[in-house]
Amino acid sequence: KENSTVSIKVLAKYCSSKMQKEFVCVKESTKN
């Protein structure tokens, strides 16, 4: 969600890794 947090160190590691990666931002604010 837009208010989710992750450390910069983890994010940098994720972005520089070899694997295929995607981000999905969930904009709905309903529970679950």
Full PDB file with SEQRES, HELIX, SHEET, SSBOND, CRYST1, ORIGX, SCALE, CONECT and MASTER records, all heavy atoms in Angstrom:
SEQRES   1 A   32  LYS GLU ASN SER THR VAL SER ILE LYS VAL LEU ALA LYS          
SEQRES   2 A   32  TYR CYS SER SER LYS MET GLN LYS GLU PHE VAL CYS VAL          
SEQRES   3 A   32  LYS GLU SER THR LYS ASN                                      
HELIX    1 AA1 ILE A    8  SER A   16  1                                   9    
CRYST1    1.000    1.000    1.000  90.00  90.00  90.00 P 1           1          
ORIGX1      1.000000  0.000000  0.000000        0.00000                         
ORIGX2      0.000000  1.000000  0.000000        0.00000                         
ORIGX3      0.000000  0.000000  1.000000        0.00000                         
SCALE1      1.000000  0.000000  0.000000        0.00000                         
SCALE2      0.000000  1.000000  0.000000        0.00000                         
SCALE3      0.000000  0.000000  1.000000        0.00000                         
ATOM      1  N   LYS A   1       0.868  -1.184   0.000  1.00  0.00           N  
ATOM      2  CA  LYS A   1       0.000   0.000   0.000  1.00  0.00           C  
ATOM      3  C   LYS A   1       0.902   1.230   0.000  1.00  0.00           C  
ATOM      4  O   LYS A   1       2.079   1.132   0.352  1.00  0.00           O  
ATOM      5  CB  LYS A   1      -0.904   0.007   1.235  1.00  0.00           C  
ATOM      6  CG  LYS A   1      -2.064  -0.955   1.122  1.00  0.00           C  
ATOM      7  CD  LYS A   1      -3.059  -0.693   2.230  1.00  0.00           C  
ATOM      8  CE  LYS A   1      -4.331  -1.475   1.948  1.00  0.00           C  
ATOM      9  NZ  LYS A   1      -5.346  -1.212   2.950  1.00  0.00           N  
ATOM     10  N   GLU A   2       0.346   2.369  -0.374  1.00  0.00           N  
ATOM     11  CA  GLU A   2       1.147   3.584  -0.476  1.00  0.00           C  
ATOM     12  C   GLU A   2       1.823   3.963   0.838  1.00  0.00           C  
ATOM     13  O   GLU A   2       2.882   4.568   0.827  1.00  0.00           O  
ATOM     14  CB  GLU A   2       0.291   4.743  -0.992  1.00  0.00           C  
ATOM     15  CG  GLU A   2      -0.043   4.572  -2.464  1.00  0.00           C  
ATOM     16  CD  GLU A   2      -0.905   5.687  -3.028  1.00  0.00           C  
ATOM     17  OE1 GLU A   2      -1.511   6.445  -2.249  1.00  0.00           O  
ATOM     18  OE2 GLU A   2      -0.967   5.785  -4.259  1.00  0.00           O  
ATOM     19  N   ASN A   3       1.259   3.567   1.959  1.00  0.00           N  
ATOM     20  CA  ASN A   3       1.864   3.903   3.251  1.00  0.00           C  
ATOM     21  C   ASN A   3       2.767   2.786   3.793  1.00  0.00           C  
ATOM     22  O   ASN A   3       3.227   2.858   4.919  1.00  0.00           O  
ATOM     23  CB  ASN A   3       0.780   4.255   4.275  1.00  0.00           C  
ATOM     24  CG  ASN A   3      -0.156   3.087   4.545  1.00  0.00           C  
ATOM     25  OD1 ASN A   3      -0.135   2.095   3.837  1.00  0.00           O  
ATOM     26  ND2 ASN A   3      -0.984   3.228   5.564  1.00  0.00           N  
ATOM     27  N   SER A   4       3.040   1.754   2.998  1.00  0.00           N  
ATOM     28  CA  SER A   4       3.920   0.661   3.419  1.00  0.00           C  
ATOM     29  C   SER A   4       5.348   1.162   3.551  1.00  0.00           C  
ATOM     30  O   SER A   4       5.770   2.077   2.847  1.00  0.00           O  
ATOM     31  CB  SER A   4       3.899  -0.472   2.396  1.00  0.00           C  
ATOM     32  OG  SER A   4       2.622  -1.030   2.288  1.00  0.00           O  
ATOM     33  N   THR A   5       6.097   0.524   4.445  1.00  0.00           N  
ATOM     34  CA  THR A   5       7.499   0.905   4.607  1.00  0.00           C  
ATOM     35  C   THR A   5       8.394  -0.317   4.483  1.00  0.00           C  
ATOM     36  O   THR A   5       8.031  -1.424   4.871  1.00  0.00           O  
ATOM     37  CB  THR A   5       7.747   1.555   5.983  1.00  0.00           C  
ATOM     38  OG1 THR A   5       7.377   0.632   7.005  1.00  0.00           O  
ATOM     39  CG2 THR A   5       6.973   2.846   6.134  1.00  0.00           C  
ATOM     40  N   VAL A   6       9.556  -0.081   3.926  1.00  0.00           N  
ATOM     41  CA  VAL A   6      10.601  -1.093   3.828  1.00  0.00           C  
ATOM     42  C   VAL A   6      11.922  -0.333   3.914  1.00  0.00           C  
ATOM     43  O   VAL A   6      12.008   0.820   3.468  1.00  0.00           O  
ATOM     44  CB  VAL A   6      10.479  -1.922   2.513  1.00  0.00           C  
ATOM     45  CG1 VAL A   6      10.735  -1.077   1.294  1.00  0.00           C  
ATOM     46  CG2 VAL A   6      11.379  -3.137   2.534  1.00  0.00           C  
ATOM     47  N   SER A   7      12.934  -0.952   4.495  1.00  0.00           N  
ATOM     48  CA  SER A   7      14.201  -0.240   4.658  1.00  0.00           C  
ATOM     49  C   SER A   7      14.848   0.020   3.294  1.00  0.00           C  
ATOM     50  O   SER A   7      14.681  -0.761   2.358  1.00  0.00           O  
ATOM     51  CB  SER A   7      15.156  -1.023   5.557  1.00  0.00           C  
ATOM     52  OG  SER A   7      15.804  -2.044   4.838  1.00  0.00           O  
ATOM     53  N   ILE A   8      15.566   1.112   3.209  1.00  0.00           N  
ATOM     54  CA  ILE A   8      16.274   1.473   1.971  1.00  0.00           C  
ATOM     55  C   ILE A   8      17.262   0.372   1.606  1.00  0.00           C  
ATOM     56  O   ILE A   8      17.416   0.016   0.437  1.00  0.00           O  
ATOM     57  CB  ILE A   8      17.001   2.834   2.133  1.00  0.00           C  
ATOM     58  CG1 ILE A   8      15.983   3.958   2.310  1.00  0.00           C  
ATOM     59  CG2 ILE A   8      17.925   3.107   0.961  1.00  0.00           C  
ATOM     60  CD1 ILE A   8      15.097   4.214   1.118  1.00  0.00           C  
ATOM     61  N   LYS A   9      17.927  -0.197   2.601  1.00  0.00           N  
ATOM     62  CA  LYS A   9      18.916  -1.255   2.365  1.00  0.00           C  
ATOM     63  C   LYS A   9      18.241  -2.467   1.696  1.00  0.00           C  
ATOM     64  O   LYS A   9      18.752  -3.014   0.719  1.00  0.00           O  
ATOM     65  CB  LYS A   9      19.556  -1.662   3.696  1.00  0.00           C  
ATOM     66  CG  LYS A   9      20.645  -2.676   3.583  1.00  0.00           C  
ATOM     67  CD  LYS A   9      21.241  -2.973   4.957  1.00  0.00           C  
ATOM     68  CE  LYS A   9      22.327  -4.015   4.864  1.00  0.00           C  
ATOM     69  NZ  LYS A   9      22.900  -4.323   6.172  1.00  0.00           N  
ATOM     70  N   VAL A  10      17.092  -2.888   2.219  1.00  0.00           N  
ATOM     71  CA  VAL A  10      16.362  -4.029   1.647  1.00  0.00           C  
ATOM     72  C   VAL A  10      15.865  -3.684   0.250  1.00  0.00           C  
ATOM     73  O   VAL A  10      15.987  -4.489  -0.680  1.00  0.00           O  
ATOM     74  CB  VAL A  10      15.186  -4.444   2.566  1.00  0.00           C  
ATOM     75  CG1 VAL A  10      14.269  -5.445   1.874  1.00  0.00           C  
ATOM     76  CG2 VAL A  10      15.710  -5.036   3.865  1.00  0.00           C  
ATOM     77  N   LEU A  11      15.337  -2.494   0.083  1.00  0.00           N  
ATOM     78  CA  LEU A  11      14.832  -2.062  -1.214  1.00  0.00           C  
ATOM     79  C   LEU A  11      15.950  -2.030  -2.261  1.00  0.00           C  
ATOM     80  O   LEU A  11      15.772  -2.495  -3.393  1.00  0.00           O  
ATOM     81  CB  LEU A  11      14.174  -0.689  -1.096  1.00  0.00           C  
ATOM     82  CG  LEU A  11      13.501  -0.151  -2.349  1.00  0.00           C  
ATOM     83  CD1 LEU A  11      12.366  -1.065  -2.798  1.00  0.00           C  
ATOM     84  CD2 LEU A  11      12.963   1.252  -2.095  1.00  0.00           C  
ATOM     85  N   ALA A  12      17.109  -1.511  -1.891  1.00  0.00           N  
ATOM     86  CA  ALA A  12      18.249  -1.459  -2.812  1.00  0.00           C  
ATOM     87  C   ALA A  12      18.694  -2.864  -3.202  1.00  0.00           C  
ATOM     88  O   ALA A  12      18.984  -3.127  -4.378  1.00  0.00           O  
ATOM     89  CB  ALA A  12      19.404  -0.689  -2.165  1.00  0.00           C  
ATOM     90  N   LYS A  13      18.727  -3.764  -2.236  1.00  0.00           N  
ATOM     91  CA  LYS A  13      19.115  -5.148  -2.501  1.00  0.00           C  
ATOM     92  C   LYS A  13      18.113  -5.819  -3.440  1.00  0.00           C  
ATOM     93  O   LYS A  13      18.483  -6.533  -4.362  1.00  0.00           O  
ATOM     94  CB  LYS A  13      19.184  -5.901  -1.158  1.00  0.00           C  
ATOM     95  CG  LYS A  13      19.946  -7.170  -1.195  1.00  0.00           C  
ATOM     96  CD  LYS A  13      19.990  -7.737   0.228  1.00  0.00           C  
ATOM     97  CE  LYS A  13      21.222  -8.537   0.434  1.00  0.00           C  
ATOM     98  NZ  LYS A  13      21.307  -9.093   1.771  1.00  0.00           N  
ATOM     99  N   TYR A  14      16.843  -5.572  -3.190  1.00  0.00           N  
ATOM    100  CA  TYR A  14      15.773  -6.130  -4.027  1.00  0.00           C  
ATOM    101  C   TYR A  14      15.907  -5.618  -5.460  1.00  0.00           C  
ATOM    102  O   TYR A  14      15.872  -6.385  -6.410  1.00  0.00           O  
ATOM    103  CB  TYR A  14      14.405  -5.757  -3.437  1.00  0.00           C  
ATOM    104  CG  TYR A  14      13.224  -6.173  -4.291  1.00  0.00           C  
ATOM    105  CD1 TYR A  14      12.767  -7.486  -4.259  1.00  0.00           C  
ATOM    106  CD2 TYR A  14      12.566  -5.261  -5.116  1.00  0.00           C  
ATOM    107  CE1 TYR A  14      11.675  -7.880  -5.036  1.00  0.00           C  
ATOM    108  CE2 TYR A  14      11.484  -5.646  -5.887  1.00  0.00           C  
ATOM    109  CZ  TYR A  14      11.041  -6.960  -5.848  1.00  0.00           C  
ATOM    110  OH  TYR A  14       9.981  -7.339  -6.617  1.00  0.00           O  
ATOM    111  N   CYS A  15      16.074  -4.324  -5.612  1.00  0.00           N  
ATOM    112  CA  CYS A  15      16.134  -3.709  -6.944  1.00  0.00           C  
ATOM    113  C   CYS A  15      17.370  -4.128  -7.731  1.00  0.00           C  
ATOM    114  O   CYS A  15      17.333  -4.186  -8.955  1.00  0.00           O  
ATOM    115  CB  CYS A  15      16.068  -2.195  -6.836  1.00  0.00           C  
ATOM    116  SG  CYS A  15      14.430  -1.614  -6.327  1.00  0.00           S  
ATOM    117  N   SER A  16      18.475  -4.430  -7.045  1.00  0.00           N  
ATOM    118  CA  SER A  16      19.702  -4.800  -7.745  1.00  0.00           C  
ATOM    119  C   SER A  16      19.852  -6.319  -7.935  1.00  0.00           C  
ATOM    120  O   SER A  16      20.807  -6.759  -8.566  1.00  0.00           O  
ATOM    121  CB  SER A  16      20.914  -4.247  -7.000  1.00  0.00           C  
ATOM    122  OG  SER A  16      21.033  -4.871  -5.735  1.00  0.00           O  
ATOM    123  N   SER A  17      18.928  -7.103  -7.443  1.00  0.00           N  
ATOM    124  CA  SER A  17      19.042  -8.561  -7.563  1.00  0.00           C  
ATOM    125  C   SER A  17      18.749  -9.015  -8.992  1.00  0.00           C  
ATOM    126  O   SER A  17      18.156  -8.292  -9.787  1.00  0.00           O  
ATOM    127  CB  SER A  17      18.109  -9.252  -6.573  1.00  0.00           C  
ATOM    128  OG  SER A  17      16.782  -8.976  -6.932  1.00  0.00           O  
ATOM    129  N   LYS A  18      19.166 -10.252  -9.311  1.00  0.00           N  
ATOM    130  CA  LYS A  18      19.043 -10.808 -10.656  1.00  0.00           C  
ATOM    131  C   LYS A  18      17.624 -11.255 -11.004  1.00  0.00           C  
ATOM    132  O   LYS A  18      17.275 -11.374 -12.161  1.00  0.00           O  
ATOM    133  CB  LYS A  18      19.951 -12.031 -10.789  1.00  0.00           C  
ATOM    134  CG  LYS A  18      21.409 -11.748 -10.645  1.00  0.00           C  
ATOM    135  CD  LYS A  18      22.181 -13.050 -10.706  1.00  0.00           C  
ATOM    136  CE  LYS A  18      23.622 -12.865 -10.293  1.00  0.00           C  
ATOM    137  NZ  LYS A  18      24.331 -14.115 -10.213  1.00  0.00           N  
ATOM    138  N   MET A  19      16.843 -11.533 -10.005  1.00  0.00           N  
ATOM    139  CA  MET A  19      15.517 -12.110 -10.242  1.00  0.00           C  
ATOM    140  C   MET A  19      14.598 -11.158 -10.993  1.00  0.00           C  
ATOM    141  O   MET A  19      14.855  -9.961 -11.088  1.00  0.00           O  
ATOM    142  CB  MET A  19      14.879 -12.487  -8.923  1.00  0.00           C  
ATOM    143  CG  MET A  19      14.474 -11.265  -8.160  1.00  0.00           C  
ATOM    144  SD  MET A  19      14.162 -11.578  -6.474  1.00  0.00           S  
ATOM    145  CE  MET A  19      14.003  -9.926  -5.911  1.00  0.00           C  
ATOM    146  N   GLN A  20      13.504 -11.711 -11.500  1.00  0.00           N  
ATOM    147  CA  GLN A  20      12.455 -10.894 -12.114  1.00  0.00           C  
ATOM    148  C   GLN A  20      11.663 -10.275 -10.971  1.00  0.00           C  
ATOM    149  O   GLN A  20      11.302 -10.974 -10.033  1.00  0.00           O  
ATOM    150  CB  GLN A  20      11.553 -11.775 -12.962  1.00  0.00           C  
ATOM    151  CG  GLN A  20      12.285 -12.555 -14.048  1.00  0.00           C  
ATOM    152  CD  GLN A  20      11.405 -13.646 -14.610  1.00  0.00           C  
ATOM    153  OE1 GLN A  20      10.264 -13.412 -14.953  1.00  0.00           O  
ATOM    154  NE2 GLN A  20      11.945 -14.855 -14.680  1.00  0.00           N  
ATOM    155  N   LYS A  21      11.407  -8.985 -11.059  1.00  0.00           N  
ATOM    156  CA  LYS A  21      10.743  -8.320  -9.938  1.00  0.00           C  
ATOM    157  C   LYS A  21       9.621  -7.408 -10.408  1.00  0.00           C  
ATOM    158  O   LYS A  21       9.699  -6.843 -11.493  1.00  0.00           O  
ATOM    159  CB  LYS A  21      11.746  -7.573  -9.080  1.00  0.00           C  
ATOM    160  CG  LYS A  21      12.713  -6.703  -9.834  1.00  0.00           C  
ATOM    161  CD  LYS A  21      13.879  -6.343  -8.951  1.00  0.00           C  
ATOM    162  CE  LYS A  21      15.237  -6.373  -9.511  1.00  0.00           C  
ATOM    163  NZ  LYS A  21      15.698  -7.201 -10.496  1.00  0.00           N  
ATOM    164  N   GLU A  22       8.621  -7.322  -9.559  1.00  0.00           N  
ATOM    165  CA  GLU A  22       7.477  -6.454  -9.835  1.00  0.00           C  
ATOM    166  C   GLU A  22       6.995  -5.838  -8.537  1.00  0.00           C  
ATOM    167  O   GLU A  22       7.123  -6.439  -7.475  1.00  0.00           O  
ATOM    168  CB  GLU A  22       6.304  -7.259 -10.414  1.00  0.00           C  
ATOM    169  CG  GLU A  22       6.534  -7.859 -11.768  1.00  0.00           C  
ATOM    170  CD  GLU A  22       5.387  -8.772 -12.175  1.00  0.00           C  
ATOM    171  OE1 GLU A  22       4.211  -8.341 -12.056  1.00  0.00           O  
ATOM    172  OE2 GLU A  22       5.664  -9.906 -12.572  1.00  0.00           O  
ATOM    173  N   PHE A  23       6.406  -4.667  -8.654  1.00  0.00           N  
ATOM    174  CA  PHE A  23       5.733  -4.019  -7.538  1.00  0.00           C  
ATOM    175  C   PHE A  23       4.272  -3.855  -7.917  1.00  0.00           C  
ATOM    176  O   PHE A  23       3.963  -3.468  -9.045  1.00  0.00           O  
ATOM    177  CB  PHE A  23       6.321  -2.624  -7.266  1.00  0.00           C  
ATOM    178  CG  PHE A  23       7.692  -2.632  -6.672  1.00  0.00           C  
ATOM    179  CD1 PHE A  23       8.802  -2.395  -7.465  1.00  0.00           C  
ATOM    180  CD2 PHE A  23       7.876  -2.845  -5.317  1.00  0.00           C  
ATOM    181  CE1 PHE A  23      10.073  -2.385  -6.928  1.00  0.00           C  
ATOM    182  CE2 PHE A  23       9.141  -2.837  -4.764  1.00  0.00           C  
ATOM    183  CZ  PHE A  23      10.247  -2.602  -5.567  1.00  0.00           C  
ATOM    184  N   VAL A  24       3.379  -4.149  -7.004  1.00  0.00           N  
ATOM    185  CA  VAL A  24       1.953  -3.923  -7.226  1.00  0.00           C  
ATOM    186  C   VAL A  24       1.459  -3.038  -6.083  1.00  0.00           C  
ATOM    187  O   VAL A  24       1.423  -3.473  -4.925  1.00  0.00           O  
ATOM    188  CB  VAL A  24       1.154  -5.245  -7.265  1.00  0.00           C  
ATOM    189  CG1 VAL A  24      -0.332  -4.963  -7.393  1.00  0.00           C  
ATOM    190  CG2 VAL A  24       1.647  -6.136  -8.399  1.00  0.00           C  
ATOM    191  N   CYS A  25       1.087  -1.808  -6.415  1.00  0.00           N  
ATOM    192  CA  CYS A  25       0.560  -0.885  -5.419  1.00  0.00           C  
ATOM    193  C   CYS A  25      -0.950  -1.080  -5.334  1.00  0.00           C  
ATOM    194  O   CYS A  25      -1.665  -0.936  -6.326  1.00  0.00           O  
ATOM    195  CB  CYS A  25       0.883   0.551  -5.792  1.00  0.00           C  
ATOM    196  SG  CYS A  25       0.279   1.737  -4.571  1.00  0.00           S  
ATOM    197  N   VAL A  26      -1.415  -1.444  -4.153  1.00  0.00           N  
ATOM    198  CA  VAL A  26      -2.845  -1.651  -3.923  1.00  0.00           C  
ATOM    199  C   VAL A  26      -3.414  -0.330  -3.426  1.00  0.00           C  
ATOM    200  O   VAL A  26      -3.112   0.120  -2.332  1.00  0.00           O  
ATOM    201  CB  VAL A  26      -3.073  -2.789  -2.903  1.00  0.00           C  
ATOM    202  CG1 VAL A  26      -4.549  -2.973  -2.641  1.00  0.00           C  
ATOM    203  CG2 VAL A  26      -2.427  -4.075  -3.402  1.00  0.00           C  
ATOM    204  N   LYS A  27      -4.238   0.281  -4.244  1.00  0.00           N  
ATOM    205  CA  LYS A  27      -4.766   1.610  -3.913  1.00  0.00           C  
ATOM    206  C   LYS A  27      -6.059   1.547  -3.107  1.00  0.00           C  
ATOM    207  O   LYS A  27      -6.420   2.497  -2.446  1.00  0.00           O  
ATOM    208  CB  LYS A  27      -4.978   2.415  -5.199  1.00  0.00           C  
ATOM    209  CG  LYS A  27      -3.655   2.656  -5.924  1.00  0.00           C  
ATOM    210  CD  LYS A  27      -3.791   3.657  -7.018  1.00  0.00           C  
ATOM    211  CE  LYS A  27      -2.558   3.754  -7.853  1.00  0.00           C  
ATOM    212  NZ  LYS A  27      -1.465   4.471  -7.325  1.00  0.00           N  
ATOM    213  N   GLU A  28      -6.763   0.417  -3.159  1.00  0.00           N  
ATOM    214  CA  GLU A  28      -8.007   0.284  -2.395  1.00  0.00           C  
ATOM    215  C   GLU A  28      -7.690   0.342  -0.909  1.00  0.00           C  
ATOM    216  O   GLU A  28      -6.705  -0.210  -0.448  1.00  0.00           O  
ATOM    217  CB  GLU A  28      -8.716  -1.042  -2.720  1.00  0.00           C  
ATOM    218  CG  GLU A  28      -9.328  -1.091  -4.102  1.00  0.00           C  
ATOM    219  CD  GLU A  28      -8.296  -1.337  -5.218  1.00  0.00           C  
ATOM    220  OE1 GLU A  28      -7.156  -1.720  -4.903  1.00  0.00           O  
ATOM    221  OE2 GLU A  28      -8.627  -1.111  -6.375  1.00  0.00           O  
ATOM    222  N   SER A  29      -8.550   0.973  -0.163  1.00  0.00           N  
ATOM    223  CA  SER A  29      -8.288   1.135   1.270  1.00  0.00           C  
ATOM    224  C   SER A  29      -9.124   0.188   2.133  1.00  0.00           C  
ATOM    225  O   SER A  29      -9.086   0.274   3.352  1.00  0.00           O  
ATOM    226  CB  SER A  29      -8.542   2.587   1.689  1.00  0.00           C  
ATOM    227  OG  SER A  29      -9.884   2.931   1.425  1.00  0.00           O  
ATOM    228  N   THR A  30      -9.863  -0.713   1.508  1.00  0.00           N  
ATOM    229  CA  THR A  30     -10.686  -1.638   2.290  1.00  0.00           C  
ATOM    230  C   THR A  30      -9.824  -2.637   3.036  1.00  0.00           C  
ATOM    231  O   THR A  30      -8.685  -2.909   2.650  1.00  0.00           O  
ATOM    232  CB  THR A  30     -11.664  -2.404   1.365  1.00  0.00           C  
ATOM    233  OG1 THR A  30     -10.895  -3.109   0.384  1.00  0.00           O  
ATOM    234  CG2 THR A  30     -12.639  -1.478   0.691  1.00  0.00           C  
ATOM    235  N   LYS A  31     -10.391  -3.185   4.085  1.00  0.00           N  
ATOM    236  CA  LYS A  31      -9.680  -4.184   4.890  1.00  0.00           C  
ATOM    237  C   LYS A  31      -9.339  -5.391   4.006  1.00  0.00           C  
ATOM    238  O   LYS A  31     -10.178  -5.851   3.232  1.00  0.00           O  
ATOM    239  CB  LYS A  31     -10.560  -4.609   6.072  1.00  0.00           C  
ATOM    240  CG  LYS A  31      -9.854  -5.546   7.010  1.00  0.00           C  
ATOM    241  CD  LYS A  31     -10.735  -5.912   8.183  1.00  0.00           C  
ATOM    242  CE  LYS A  31      -9.958  -6.846   9.089  1.00  0.00           C  
ATOM    243  NZ  LYS A  31     -10.765  -7.488  10.073  1.00  0.00           N  
ATOM    244  N   ASN A  32      -8.142  -5.895   4.128  1.00  0.00           N  
ATOM    245  CA  ASN A  32      -7.651  -7.071   3.401  1.00  0.00           C  
ATOM    246  C   ASN A  32      -7.542  -6.872   1.891  1.00  0.00           C  
ATOM    247  O   ASN A  32      -7.485  -7.848   1.142  1.00  0.00           O  
ATOM    248  CB  ASN A  32      -8.512  -8.304   3.696  1.00  0.00           C  
ATOM    249  CG  ASN A  32      -8.435  -8.721   5.141  1.00  0.00           C  
ATOM    250  OD1 ASN A  32      -7.378  -8.621   5.769  1.00  0.00           O  
ATOM    251  ND2 ASN A  32      -9.547  -9.160   5.692  1.00  0.00           N  
TER     252      ASN A  32                                                      
MASTER        0    0    0    1    0    0    0    6  251    1    0    3          
END                                                                             
